Amino acid sequence: MPMSYRLKVIGFFLWLGLMPINLNAANAWEYIQENDRLTNRAYSFAKSPFPRRDLYDNLHLEVVCRDNALQVIVDADSLIASQGSKFDVEYQIDQKSPVKIQMTTFKDSKRRGYTSEFAAALVSDMLSGKAVFVRVHTLIREVLSGSIPMDGGAEPLTRVLADCGINSSGNTSIDAQYGLEDFEKDYAKLSVEQQRQVLDKIKRIIKEFN
């Protein structure tokens, strides 16, 4: 057998021996920053590893901070529901009782869904445990499930929360509290009479400080 051929064979088997290590390294929690193609605004997200594929369905979670708003996304290879439809999700942290929430599929996808309402509480719960078990109830009455380990998840998740001005307990930090811009947007939505009442209350508050 020529020496060059032997070297190729040895190199191939060395590559096979190293491949599981590389796969395991890649299958971990990640913190990623990208730019939105439409708005060109930066956003960040933490992407979970996949569950064991010999035991569970092929799904994962993403925790996203976009425009200072937090979302948790479930991404599956299988059909969940039609676009823009609500569906039921249960998550369980370690041996605690399951928590039921609702998510909504994106308008351009039947396999990806999100929640903003329950995002902060869900992430806070995830940070408190060693694993999160997820059940996704689909339109065709099948349940997609997966156990996602939280090993190595604390740092990426905490970074995404910080990007949204939220601490690890799910509370908004001082930097992201209700500001003048938020007030102006909400004030503009009120009727003339409601705006007058708001201004009267603000006037009284300012007088108290003076």
N, C-alpha and C. Protein backbone atom coordinates (compact mmCIF):
# COMPACT_ATOMS: atom_id res chain seq x y z
N MET A 1 0.85 -1.20 0.00
CA MET A 1 0.00 0.00 0.00
C MET A 1 0.89 1.25 0.00
N PRO A 2 0.69 2.15 -0.95
CA PRO A 2 1.53 3.36 -1.01
C PRO A 2 1.42 4.17 0.27
N MET A 3 2.52 4.86 0.63
CA MET A 3 2.56 5.64 1.86
C MET A 3 1.52 6.76 1.84
N SER A 4 1.35 7.42 0.66
CA SER A 4 0.39 8.52 0.57
C SER A 4 -1.03 8.04 0.85
N TYR A 5 -1.36 6.82 0.38
CA TYR A 5 -2.69 6.27 0.61
C TYR A 5 -2.88 5.95 2.09
N ARG A 6 -1.83 5.40 2.72
CA ARG A 6 -1.90 5.10 4.16
C ARG A 6 -2.16 6.36 4.97
N LEU A 7 -1.48 7.44 4.59
CA LEU A 7 -1.65 8.70 5.31
C LEU A 7 -3.08 9.22 5.18
N LYS A 8 -3.65 9.06 3.98
CA LYS A 8 -5.03 9.49 3.78
C LYS A 8 -5.99 8.68 4.63
N VAL A 9 -5.77 7.36 4.70
CA VAL A 9 -6.64 6.50 5.51
C VAL A 9 -6.52 6.86 6.99
N ILE A 10 -5.30 7.06 7.45
CA ILE A 10 -5.08 7.43 8.86
C ILE A 10 -5.73 8.77 9.16
N GLY A 11 -5.57 9.71 8.24
CA GLY A 11 -6.17 11.02 8.43
C GLY A 11 -7.68 10.95 8.49
N PHE A 12 -8.29 10.07 7.66
CA PHE A 12 -9.74 9.94 7.66
C PHE A 12 -10.24 9.40 8.99
N PHE A 13 -9.59 8.39 9.53
CA PHE A 13 -10.04 7.82 10.81
C PHE A 13 -9.78 8.77 11.97
N LEU A 14 -8.71 9.56 11.88
CA LEU A 14 -8.50 10.58 12.89
C LEU A 14 -9.63 11.61 12.87
N TRP A 15 -10.07 11.96 11.68
CA TRP A 15 -11.18 12.91 11.53
C TRP A 15 -12.46 12.34 12.12
N LEU A 16 -12.72 11.04 11.88
CA LEU A 16 -13.90 10.40 12.46
C LEU A 16 -13.84 10.41 13.97
N GLY A 17 -12.62 10.21 14.52
CA GLY A 17 -12.49 10.20 15.98
C GLY A 17 -12.72 11.57 16.59
N LEU A 18 -12.38 12.63 15.85
CA LEU A 18 -12.55 13.97 16.39
C LEU A 18 -13.94 14.52 16.16
N MET A 19 -14.68 13.97 15.19
CA MET A 19 -15.96 14.54 14.82
C MET A 19 -16.96 14.60 15.95
N PRO A 20 -17.16 13.59 16.81
CA PRO A 20 -18.12 13.71 17.92
C PRO A 20 -17.79 14.85 18.86
N ILE A 21 -16.47 15.12 19.07
CA ILE A 21 -16.08 16.22 19.95
C ILE A 21 -16.54 17.54 19.36
N ASN A 22 -16.35 17.71 18.07
CA ASN A 22 -16.76 18.95 17.43
C ASN A 22 -18.26 19.13 17.46
N LEU A 23 -19.00 18.05 17.27
CA LEU A 23 -20.45 18.13 17.30
C LEU A 23 -20.94 18.52 18.69
N ASN A 24 -20.33 17.92 19.71
CA ASN A 24 -20.75 18.24 21.07
C ASN A 24 -20.45 19.69 21.40
N ALA A 25 -19.32 20.20 20.92
CA ALA A 25 -18.96 21.58 21.19
C ALA A 25 -19.93 22.54 20.53
N ALA A 26 -20.40 22.15 19.32
CA ALA A 26 -21.32 23.03 18.60
C ALA A 26 -22.72 22.98 19.20
N ASN A 27 -23.09 21.85 19.80
CA ASN A 27 -24.43 21.68 20.33
C ASN A 27 -24.50 22.23 21.74
N ALA A 28 -24.35 23.55 21.86
CA ALA A 28 -24.35 24.22 23.16
C ALA A 28 -25.07 25.56 23.02
N TRP A 29 -25.37 26.18 24.16
CA TRP A 29 -25.99 27.50 24.15
C TRP A 29 -25.05 28.50 23.48
N GLU A 30 -25.61 29.39 22.65
CA GLU A 30 -24.82 30.40 21.95
C GLU A 30 -25.43 31.78 22.14
N TYR A 31 -24.57 32.79 22.21
CA TYR A 31 -25.01 34.19 22.18
C TYR A 31 -24.61 34.76 20.84
N ILE A 32 -25.57 35.34 20.11
CA ILE A 32 -25.33 35.80 18.75
C ILE A 32 -25.88 37.21 18.58
N GLN A 33 -25.13 38.05 17.88
CA GLN A 33 -25.58 39.39 17.51
C GLN A 33 -25.63 39.50 16.00
N GLU A 34 -26.74 40.03 15.48
CA GLU A 34 -26.92 40.19 14.05
C GLU A 34 -27.62 41.51 13.75
N ASN A 35 -27.68 41.86 12.48
CA ASN A 35 -28.42 43.04 12.04
C ASN A 35 -29.67 42.62 11.28
N ASP A 36 -30.79 43.27 11.59
CA ASP A 36 -32.03 43.01 10.88
C ASP A 36 -31.89 43.51 9.44
N ARG A 37 -32.20 42.65 8.47
CA ARG A 37 -32.01 43.02 7.06
C ARG A 37 -32.96 44.12 6.62
N LEU A 38 -34.12 44.22 7.24
CA LEU A 38 -35.10 45.22 6.84
C LEU A 38 -34.82 46.58 7.49
N THR A 39 -34.51 46.57 8.78
CA THR A 39 -34.34 47.84 9.50
C THR A 39 -32.87 48.21 9.70
N ASN A 40 -31.97 47.23 9.49
CA ASN A 40 -30.54 47.42 9.71
C ASN A 40 -30.22 47.71 11.18
N ARG A 41 -31.14 47.34 12.08
CA ARG A 41 -30.91 47.52 13.50
C ARG A 41 -30.32 46.24 14.09
N ALA A 42 -29.41 46.42 15.02
CA ALA A 42 -28.78 45.27 15.66
C ALA A 42 -29.75 44.63 16.65
N TYR A 43 -29.69 43.31 16.74
CA TYR A 43 -30.44 42.58 17.75
C TYR A 43 -29.59 41.41 18.21
N SER A 44 -29.95 40.84 19.34
CA SER A 44 -29.19 39.72 19.89
C SER A 44 -30.12 38.59 20.29
N PHE A 45 -29.56 37.39 20.33
CA PHE A 45 -30.36 36.26 20.78
C PHE A 45 -29.46 35.15 21.32
N ALA A 46 -30.04 34.37 22.21
CA ALA A 46 -29.38 33.17 22.73
C ALA A 46 -30.10 31.96 22.13
N LYS A 47 -29.33 31.07 21.57
CA LYS A 47 -29.89 29.89 20.90
C LYS A 47 -29.54 28.65 21.71
N SER A 48 -30.55 27.85 21.99
CA SER A 48 -30.33 26.66 22.82
C SER A 48 -29.77 25.51 21.98
N PRO A 49 -29.17 24.53 22.64
CA PRO A 49 -28.81 23.30 21.93
C PRO A 49 -30.07 22.51 21.60
N PHE A 50 -29.94 21.54 20.71
CA PHE A 50 -31.05 20.66 20.40
C PHE A 50 -31.14 19.55 21.45
N PRO A 51 -32.33 19.04 21.71
CA PRO A 51 -32.44 17.87 22.60
C PRO A 51 -31.80 16.64 21.93
N ARG A 52 -31.62 15.60 22.70
CA ARG A 52 -31.10 14.36 22.13
C ARG A 52 -32.07 13.84 21.07
N ARG A 53 -31.58 13.68 19.85
CA ARG A 53 -32.48 13.35 18.74
C ARG A 53 -32.95 11.91 18.76
N ASP A 54 -32.26 11.06 19.53
CA ASP A 54 -32.73 9.67 19.63
C ASP A 54 -33.86 9.53 20.64
N LEU A 55 -34.10 10.59 21.42
CA LEU A 55 -35.15 10.55 22.44
C LEU A 55 -36.28 11.53 22.19
N TYR A 56 -35.96 12.68 21.57
CA TYR A 56 -36.93 13.76 21.47
C TYR A 56 -37.04 14.29 20.04
N ASP A 57 -37.97 15.22 19.86
CA ASP A 57 -38.16 15.85 18.56
C ASP A 57 -37.09 16.91 18.32
N ASN A 58 -36.94 17.27 17.05
CA ASN A 58 -35.90 18.22 16.67
C ASN A 58 -36.42 19.65 16.81
N LEU A 59 -36.26 20.22 18.01
CA LEU A 59 -36.68 21.59 18.26
C LEU A 59 -35.68 22.28 19.17
N HIS A 60 -35.71 23.61 19.17
CA HIS A 60 -34.85 24.35 20.08
C HIS A 60 -35.51 25.69 20.42
N LEU A 61 -34.95 26.37 21.39
CA LEU A 61 -35.46 27.66 21.84
C LEU A 61 -34.50 28.78 21.47
N GLU A 62 -35.06 29.95 21.23
CA GLU A 62 -34.27 31.15 21.04
C GLU A 62 -34.84 32.24 21.95
N VAL A 63 -33.97 32.95 22.64
CA VAL A 63 -34.38 34.09 23.46
C VAL A 63 -33.82 35.34 22.78
N VAL A 64 -34.71 36.21 22.33
CA VAL A 64 -34.33 37.31 21.44
C VAL A 64 -34.61 38.66 22.10
N CYS A 65 -33.67 39.59 21.94
CA CYS A 65 -33.89 40.99 22.31
C CYS A 65 -33.84 41.81 21.03
N ARG A 66 -35.00 42.32 20.62
CA ARG A 66 -35.08 43.11 19.40
C ARG A 66 -35.85 44.40 19.69
N ASP A 67 -35.26 45.54 19.37
CA ASP A 67 -35.89 46.84 19.64
C ASP A 67 -36.29 46.96 21.11
N ASN A 68 -35.40 46.48 21.98
CA ASN A 68 -35.60 46.55 23.44
C ASN A 68 -36.81 45.76 23.93
N ALA A 69 -37.23 44.78 23.15
CA ALA A 69 -38.35 43.91 23.53
C ALA A 69 -37.86 42.47 23.56
N LEU A 70 -38.29 41.71 24.56
CA LEU A 70 -37.85 40.34 24.76
C LEU A 70 -38.86 39.35 24.20
N GLN A 71 -38.38 38.35 23.51
CA GLN A 71 -39.22 37.27 22.98
C GLN A 71 -38.54 35.93 23.25
N VAL A 72 -39.37 34.90 23.45
CA VAL A 72 -38.88 33.53 23.45
C VAL A 72 -39.51 32.84 22.25
N ILE A 73 -38.69 32.19 21.46
CA ILE A 73 -39.13 31.55 20.22
C ILE A 73 -38.88 30.05 20.31
N VAL A 74 -39.84 29.27 19.86
CA VAL A 74 -39.64 27.83 19.70
C VAL A 74 -39.55 27.55 18.20
N ASP A 75 -38.56 26.78 17.83
CA ASP A 75 -38.29 26.49 16.42
C ASP A 75 -38.28 24.98 16.25
N ALA A 76 -39.13 24.46 15.37
CA ALA A 76 -39.24 23.02 15.18
C ALA A 76 -39.12 22.66 13.71
N ASP A 77 -38.75 21.42 13.43
CA ASP A 77 -38.70 20.94 12.06
C ASP A 77 -40.06 20.47 11.56
N SER A 78 -41.02 20.35 12.49
CA SER A 78 -42.34 19.83 12.14
C SER A 78 -43.39 20.94 12.17
N LEU A 79 -44.52 20.66 11.53
CA LEU A 79 -45.63 21.60 11.51
C LEU A 79 -46.16 21.82 12.92
N ILE A 80 -46.36 23.09 13.28
CA ILE A 80 -46.97 23.44 14.57
C ILE A 80 -48.40 23.90 14.37
N ALA A 81 -48.57 24.99 13.62
CA ALA A 81 -49.89 25.54 13.34
C ALA A 81 -49.77 26.46 12.13
N SER A 82 -50.89 26.90 11.59
CA SER A 82 -50.87 27.81 10.46
C SER A 82 -50.30 29.16 10.89
N GLN A 83 -49.89 29.96 9.92
CA GLN A 83 -49.25 31.23 10.22
C GLN A 83 -50.16 32.15 11.03
N GLY A 84 -49.57 32.79 12.04
CA GLY A 84 -50.31 33.73 12.86
C GLY A 84 -51.30 33.10 13.81
N SER A 85 -51.19 31.80 14.05
CA SER A 85 -52.14 31.10 14.93
C SER A 85 -51.53 30.85 16.30
N LYS A 86 -52.39 30.82 17.30
CA LYS A 86 -51.96 30.54 18.67
C LYS A 86 -51.90 29.03 18.88
N PHE A 87 -50.99 28.61 19.75
CA PHE A 87 -50.89 27.19 20.09
C PHE A 87 -50.41 27.08 21.54
N ASP A 88 -50.70 25.95 22.15
CA ASP A 88 -50.38 25.73 23.56
C ASP A 88 -48.99 25.13 23.73
N VAL A 89 -48.32 25.60 24.76
CA VAL A 89 -46.99 25.11 25.10
C VAL A 89 -46.94 24.87 26.60
N GLU A 90 -46.28 23.81 27.00
CA GLU A 90 -46.01 23.55 28.41
C GLU A 90 -44.49 23.46 28.59
N TYR A 91 -44.01 24.08 29.64
CA TYR A 91 -42.60 23.91 29.96
C TYR A 91 -42.45 23.51 31.42
N GLN A 92 -41.46 22.72 31.69
CA GLN A 92 -41.23 22.20 33.04
C GLN A 92 -39.76 22.33 33.38
N ILE A 93 -39.48 22.98 34.48
CA ILE A 93 -38.10 23.14 34.95
C ILE A 93 -37.78 22.03 35.94
N ASP A 94 -36.83 21.18 35.59
CA ASP A 94 -36.44 20.06 36.45
C ASP A 94 -37.68 19.25 36.86
N GLN A 95 -37.90 19.10 38.17
CA GLN A 95 -39.04 18.31 38.65
C GLN A 95 -40.20 19.17 39.13
N LYS A 96 -40.17 20.46 38.78
CA LYS A 96 -41.26 21.35 39.19
C LYS A 96 -42.51 21.09 38.38
N SER A 97 -43.62 21.68 38.81
CA SER A 97 -44.88 21.50 38.09
C SER A 97 -44.81 22.18 36.73
N PRO A 98 -45.43 21.58 35.70
CA PRO A 98 -45.43 22.20 34.37
C PRO A 98 -46.18 23.53 34.37
N VAL A 99 -45.75 24.43 33.52
CA VAL A 99 -46.38 25.73 33.35
C VAL A 99 -46.95 25.81 31.93
N LYS A 100 -48.22 26.19 31.83
CA LYS A 100 -48.88 26.28 30.52
C LYS A 100 -48.88 27.72 30.04
N ILE A 101 -48.45 27.92 28.80
CA ILE A 101 -48.48 29.25 28.18
C ILE A 101 -48.98 29.10 26.75
N GLN A 102 -49.20 30.22 26.10
CA GLN A 102 -49.57 30.22 24.68
C GLN A 102 -48.51 30.95 23.88
N MET A 103 -48.26 30.44 22.69
CA MET A 103 -47.38 31.10 21.74
C MET A 103 -48.15 31.34 20.45
N THR A 104 -47.56 32.11 19.55
CA THR A 104 -48.17 32.43 18.26
C THR A 104 -47.16 32.17 17.16
N THR A 105 -47.58 31.48 16.11
CA THR A 105 -46.67 31.26 14.99
C THR A 105 -46.44 32.58 14.26
N PHE A 106 -45.28 32.70 13.67
CA PHE A 106 -44.97 33.89 12.88
C PHE A 106 -45.83 33.90 11.61
N LYS A 107 -46.00 35.07 11.06
CA LYS A 107 -46.85 35.21 9.88
C LYS A 107 -46.25 34.57 8.64
N ASP A 108 -44.95 34.27 8.68
CA ASP A 108 -44.29 33.66 7.53
C ASP A 108 -43.81 32.24 7.81
N SER A 109 -44.30 31.65 8.90
CA SER A 109 -43.81 30.31 9.24
C SER A 109 -44.87 29.50 9.98
N LYS A 110 -44.92 28.20 9.68
CA LYS A 110 -45.80 27.28 10.38
C LYS A 110 -45.03 26.45 11.40
N ARG A 111 -43.73 26.69 11.49
CA ARG A 111 -42.87 25.86 12.35
C ARG A 111 -42.14 26.66 13.42
N ARG A 112 -42.39 27.96 13.46
CA ARG A 112 -41.75 28.82 14.46
C ARG A 112 -42.82 29.64 15.17
N GLY A 113 -42.74 29.67 16.50
CA GLY A 113 -43.70 30.45 17.27
C GLY A 113 -42.99 31.26 18.34
N TYR A 114 -43.68 32.28 18.87
CA TYR A 114 -43.04 33.17 19.82
C TYR A 114 -44.02 33.57 20.92
N THR A 115 -43.46 34.06 22.02
CA THR A 115 -44.24 34.71 23.07
C THR A 115 -43.46 35.91 23.57
N SER A 116 -44.13 37.02 23.71
CA SER A 116 -43.56 38.19 24.36
C SER A 116 -44.11 38.32 25.77
N GLU A 117 -45.38 37.95 25.92
CA GLU A 117 -46.07 38.09 27.21
C GLU A 117 -45.40 37.28 28.31
N PHE A 118 -45.00 36.05 28.00
CA PHE A 118 -44.45 35.15 29.01
C PHE A 118 -42.92 35.05 28.93
N ALA A 119 -42.29 35.87 28.10
CA ALA A 119 -40.87 35.70 27.82
C ALA A 119 -40.00 35.89 29.07
N ALA A 120 -40.19 37.00 29.78
CA ALA A 120 -39.32 37.29 30.93
C ALA A 120 -39.47 36.22 32.02
N ALA A 121 -40.70 35.81 32.29
CA ALA A 121 -40.93 34.79 33.32
C ALA A 121 -40.33 33.45 32.91
N LEU A 122 -40.47 33.10 31.63
CA LEU A 122 -39.94 31.83 31.14
C LEU A 122 -38.42 31.81 31.25
N VAL A 123 -37.77 32.88 30.85
CA VAL A 123 -36.30 32.92 30.92
C VAL A 123 -35.84 32.88 32.38
N SER A 124 -36.52 33.60 33.26
CA SER A 124 -36.18 33.57 34.68
C SER A 124 -36.29 32.16 35.23
N ASP A 125 -37.35 31.44 34.84
CA ASP A 125 -37.51 30.05 35.28
C ASP A 125 -36.40 29.17 34.72
N MET A 126 -36.05 29.37 33.46
CA MET A 126 -35.00 28.57 32.84
C MET A 126 -33.67 28.73 33.57
N LEU A 127 -33.39 29.95 34.00
CA LEU A 127 -32.12 30.22 34.70
C LEU A 127 -32.08 29.58 36.09
N SER A 128 -33.23 29.16 36.59
CA SER A 128 -33.29 28.59 37.94
C SER A 128 -33.10 27.09 37.95
N GLY A 129 -33.00 26.46 36.77
CA GLY A 129 -32.94 25.00 36.75
C GLY A 129 -31.78 24.44 35.94
N LYS A 130 -31.73 23.11 35.90
CA LYS A 130 -30.69 22.41 35.17
C LYS A 130 -31.14 22.01 33.77
N ALA A 131 -32.46 21.95 33.56
CA ALA A 131 -32.99 21.59 32.24
C ALA A 131 -34.42 22.10 32.13
N VAL A 132 -34.85 22.37 30.91
CA VAL A 132 -36.23 22.76 30.66
C VAL A 132 -36.83 21.76 29.68
N PHE A 133 -37.95 21.16 30.09
CA PHE A 133 -38.65 20.20 29.24
C PHE A 133 -39.81 20.93 28.57
N VAL A 134 -39.87 20.88 27.24
CA VAL A 134 -40.85 21.64 26.48
C VAL A 134 -41.78 20.69 25.74
N ARG A 135 -43.08 20.99 25.81
CA ARG A 135 -44.09 20.26 25.03
C ARG A 135 -44.84 21.27 24.18
N VAL A 136 -44.88 21.03 22.87
CA VAL A 136 -45.57 21.92 21.93
C VAL A 136 -46.76 21.17 21.35
N HIS A 137 -47.96 21.69 21.59
CA HIS A 137 -49.18 21.06 21.08
C HIS A 137 -49.48 21.60 19.69
N THR A 138 -49.47 20.73 18.69
CA THR A 138 -49.57 21.15 17.31
C THR A 138 -51.00 21.09 16.79
N LEU A 139 -51.18 21.65 15.61
CA LEU A 139 -52.49 21.70 14.96
C LEU A 139 -53.04 20.31 14.67
N ILE A 140 -52.17 19.36 14.38
CA ILE A 140 -52.61 18.01 14.01
C ILE A 140 -52.67 17.09 15.23
N ARG A 141 -52.77 17.71 16.41
CA ARG A 141 -52.96 17.00 17.67
C ARG A 141 -51.78 16.11 18.05
N GLU A 142 -50.64 16.43 17.53
CA GLU A 142 -49.43 15.76 17.96
C GLU A 142 -48.70 16.67 18.94
N VAL A 143 -47.90 16.07 19.78
CA VAL A 143 -47.12 16.84 20.76
C VAL A 143 -45.65 16.67 20.44
N LEU A 144 -44.99 17.80 20.18
CA LEU A 144 -43.55 17.81 20.01
C LEU A 144 -42.91 18.06 21.36
N SER A 145 -41.89 17.33 21.69
CA SER A 145 -41.29 17.48 23.02
C SER A 145 -39.78 17.41 22.94
N GLY A 146 -39.16 18.02 23.95
CA GLY A 146 -37.71 17.98 24.03
C GLY A 146 -37.22 18.47 25.38
N SER A 147 -36.17 17.84 25.87
CA SER A 147 -35.53 18.26 27.11
C SER A 147 -34.25 19.00 26.75
N ILE A 148 -34.19 20.28 27.10
CA ILE A 148 -33.06 21.12 26.72
C ILE A 148 -32.21 21.39 27.96
N PRO A 149 -30.95 20.98 27.96
CA PRO A 149 -30.09 21.22 29.12
C PRO A 149 -29.76 22.70 29.25
N MET A 150 -29.62 23.15 30.49
CA MET A 150 -29.29 24.56 30.75
C MET A 150 -27.80 24.75 31.02
N ASP A 151 -27.01 23.69 30.89
CA ASP A 151 -25.57 23.81 31.07
C ASP A 151 -25.01 24.84 30.10
N GLY A 152 -24.33 25.83 30.62
CA GLY A 152 -23.74 26.85 29.77
C GLY A 152 -24.74 27.88 29.26
N GLY A 153 -25.97 27.82 29.75
CA GLY A 153 -26.99 28.74 29.25
C GLY A 153 -27.07 30.05 30.00
N ALA A 154 -26.54 30.10 31.21
CA ALA A 154 -26.69 31.29 32.05
C ALA A 154 -26.06 32.52 31.41
N GLU A 155 -24.83 32.39 30.91
CA GLU A 155 -24.15 33.57 30.36
C GLU A 155 -24.83 34.11 29.11
N PRO A 156 -25.15 33.29 28.09
CA PRO A 156 -25.82 33.83 26.91
C PRO A 156 -27.18 34.43 27.23
N LEU A 157 -27.95 33.78 28.11
CA LEU A 157 -29.26 34.30 28.45
C LEU A 157 -29.17 35.61 29.21
N THR A 158 -28.23 35.69 30.15
CA THR A 158 -28.06 36.92 30.93
C THR A 158 -27.63 38.07 30.04
N ARG A 159 -26.82 37.79 29.04
CA ARG A 159 -26.39 38.83 28.11
C ARG A 159 -27.56 39.37 27.29
N VAL A 160 -28.44 38.47 26.85
CA VAL A 160 -29.61 38.91 26.09
C VAL A 160 -30.53 39.74 26.98
N LEU A 161 -30.74 39.28 28.21
CA LEU A 161 -31.56 40.05 29.15
C LEU A 161 -30.97 41.44 29.37
N ALA A 162 -29.66 41.51 29.53
CA ALA A 162 -29.01 42.80 29.74
C ALA A 162 -29.18 43.71 28.54
N ASP A 163 -29.16 43.13 27.34
CA ASP A 163 -29.37 43.93 26.13
C ASP A 163 -30.75 44.57 26.13
N CYS A 164 -31.71 43.91 26.79
CA CYS A 164 -33.07 44.43 26.88
C CYS A 164 -33.32 45.20 28.17
N GLY A 165 -32.26 45.42 28.96
CA GLY A 165 -32.42 46.16 30.21
C GLY A 165 -33.16 45.39 31.27
N ILE A 166 -33.03 44.07 31.26
CA ILE A 166 -33.73 43.22 32.23
C ILE A 166 -32.69 42.45 33.02
N ASN A 167 -32.87 42.38 34.34
CA ASN A 167 -31.94 41.59 35.14
C ASN A 167 -32.38 40.13 35.14
N SER A 168 -31.57 39.27 35.72
CA SER A 168 -31.82 37.83 35.63
C SER A 168 -33.07 37.37 36.36
N SER A 169 -33.64 38.21 37.23
CA SER A 169 -34.88 37.85 37.91
C SER A 169 -36.10 38.23 37.10
N GLY A 170 -35.89 38.83 35.92
CA GLY A 170 -37.00 39.18 35.05
C GLY A 170 -37.52 40.59 35.24
N ASN A 171 -36.88 41.38 36.12
CA ASN A 171 -37.33 42.75 36.37
C ASN A 171 -36.60 43.73 35.47
N THR A 172 -37.29 44.77 35.04
CA THR A 172 -36.68 45.78 34.19
C THR A 172 -35.70 46.61 34.99
N SER A 173 -34.54 46.87 34.42
CA SER A 173 -33.54 47.67 35.11
C SER A 173 -33.87 49.15 35.00
N ILE A 174 -33.12 49.96 35.73
CA ILE A 174 -33.37 51.40 35.74
C ILE A 174 -33.24 51.99 34.35
N ASP A 175 -32.25 51.53 33.59
CA ASP A 175 -31.99 52.12 32.28
C ASP A 175 -33.14 51.91 31.31
N ALA A 176 -33.96 50.87 31.53
CA ALA A 176 -35.02 50.58 30.58
C ALA A 176 -36.40 50.88 31.15
N GLN A 177 -36.47 51.72 32.19
CA GLN A 177 -37.75 52.05 32.76
C GLN A 177 -38.51 53.00 31.84
N TYR A 178 -39.78 53.21 32.19
CA TYR A 178 -40.67 54.05 31.40
C TYR A 178 -40.07 55.45 31.26
N GLY A 179 -39.88 55.89 30.00
CA GLY A 179 -39.23 57.17 29.75
C GLY A 179 -40.13 58.15 29.04
N LEU A 180 -39.56 59.31 28.71
CA LEU A 180 -40.32 60.38 28.08
C LEU A 180 -40.86 59.97 26.72
N GLU A 181 -40.06 59.24 25.95
CA GLU A 181 -40.52 58.79 24.63
C GLU A 181 -41.71 57.85 24.76
N ASP A 182 -41.65 56.93 25.77
CA ASP A 182 -42.78 56.03 26.00
C ASP A 182 -44.03 56.82 26.38
N PHE A 183 -43.83 57.83 27.25
CA PHE A 183 -44.96 58.65 27.68
C PHE A 183 -45.60 59.37 26.49
N GLU A 184 -44.78 59.95 25.63
CA GLU A 184 -45.30 60.70 24.49
C GLU A 184 -46.12 59.80 23.56
N LYS A 185 -45.65 58.57 23.35
CA LYS A 185 -46.39 57.64 22.49
C LYS A 185 -47.75 57.29 23.10
N ASP A 186 -47.74 57.00 24.42
CA ASP A 186 -48.99 56.63 25.09
C ASP A 186 -49.93 57.82 25.20
N TYR A 187 -49.35 58.99 25.44
CA TYR A 187 -50.16 60.21 25.58
C TYR A 187 -50.89 60.53 24.27
N ALA A 188 -50.22 60.31 23.16
CA ALA A 188 -50.83 60.61 21.86
C ALA A 188 -52.02 59.70 21.54
N LYS A 189 -52.09 58.55 22.20
CA LYS A 189 -53.18 57.62 21.94
C LYS A 189 -54.45 57.98 22.72
N LEU A 190 -54.34 58.88 23.69
CA LEU A 190 -55.48 59.23 24.54
C LEU A 190 -56.39 60.24 23.86
N SER A 191 -57.63 60.27 24.33
CA SER A 191 -58.57 61.29 23.85
C SER A 191 -58.19 62.65 24.45
N VAL A 192 -58.78 63.72 23.93
CA VAL A 192 -58.49 65.06 24.43
C VAL A 192 -58.82 65.17 25.92
N GLU A 193 -59.94 64.61 26.33
CA GLU A 193 -60.35 64.66 27.73
C GLU A 193 -59.38 63.87 28.61
N GLN A 194 -58.94 62.70 28.15
CA GLN A 194 -57.99 61.90 28.91
C GLN A 194 -56.63 62.60 29.02
N GLN A 195 -56.22 63.28 27.95
CA GLN A 195 -54.97 64.02 27.99
C GLN A 195 -55.04 65.14 29.02
N ARG A 196 -56.19 65.82 29.09
CA ARG A 196 -56.36 66.90 30.07
C ARG A 196 -56.26 66.35 31.48
N GLN A 197 -56.88 65.18 31.74
CA GLN A 197 -56.83 64.57 33.06
C GLN A 197 -55.39 64.18 33.44
N VAL A 198 -54.66 63.65 32.47
CA VAL A 198 -53.27 63.28 32.72
C VAL A 198 -52.43 64.50 33.07
N LEU A 199 -52.61 65.57 32.33
CA LEU A 199 -51.85 66.80 32.59
C LEU A 199 -52.19 67.39 33.96
N ASP A 200 -53.47 67.31 34.34
CA ASP A 200 -53.86 67.79 35.67
C ASP A 200 -53.16 67.01 36.76
N LYS A 201 -53.08 65.68 36.58
CA LYS A 201 -52.42 64.85 37.58
C LYS A 201 -50.92 65.13 37.63
N ILE A 202 -50.31 65.31 36.46
CA ILE A 202 -48.88 65.62 36.43
C ILE A 202 -48.62 66.96 37.12
N LYS A 203 -49.50 67.93 36.89
CA LYS A 203 -49.35 69.24 37.51
C LYS A 203 -49.37 69.14 39.02
N ARG A 204 -50.32 68.30 39.55
CA ARG A 204 -50.42 68.13 41.01
C ARG A 204 -49.17 67.45 41.56
N ILE A 205 -48.66 66.46 40.82
CA ILE A 205 -47.46 65.75 41.27
C ILE A 205 -46.27 66.69 41.34
N ILE A 206 -46.11 67.52 40.31
CA ILE A 206 -44.97 68.45 40.28
C ILE A 206 -45.08 69.45 41.44
N LYS A 207 -46.29 69.90 41.73
CA LYS A 207 -46.47 70.84 42.85
C LYS A 207 -46.07 70.22 44.17
N GLU A 208 -46.33 68.90 44.31
CA GLU A 208 -45.95 68.20 45.55
C GLU A 208 -44.43 68.19 45.73
N PHE A 209 -43.69 68.04 44.63
CA PHE A 209 -42.23 68.04 44.71
C PHE A 209 -41.67 69.43 44.97
N ASN A 210 -42.40 70.45 44.52
CA ASN A 210 -41.94 71.83 44.74
C ASN A 210 -42.27 72.28 46.16
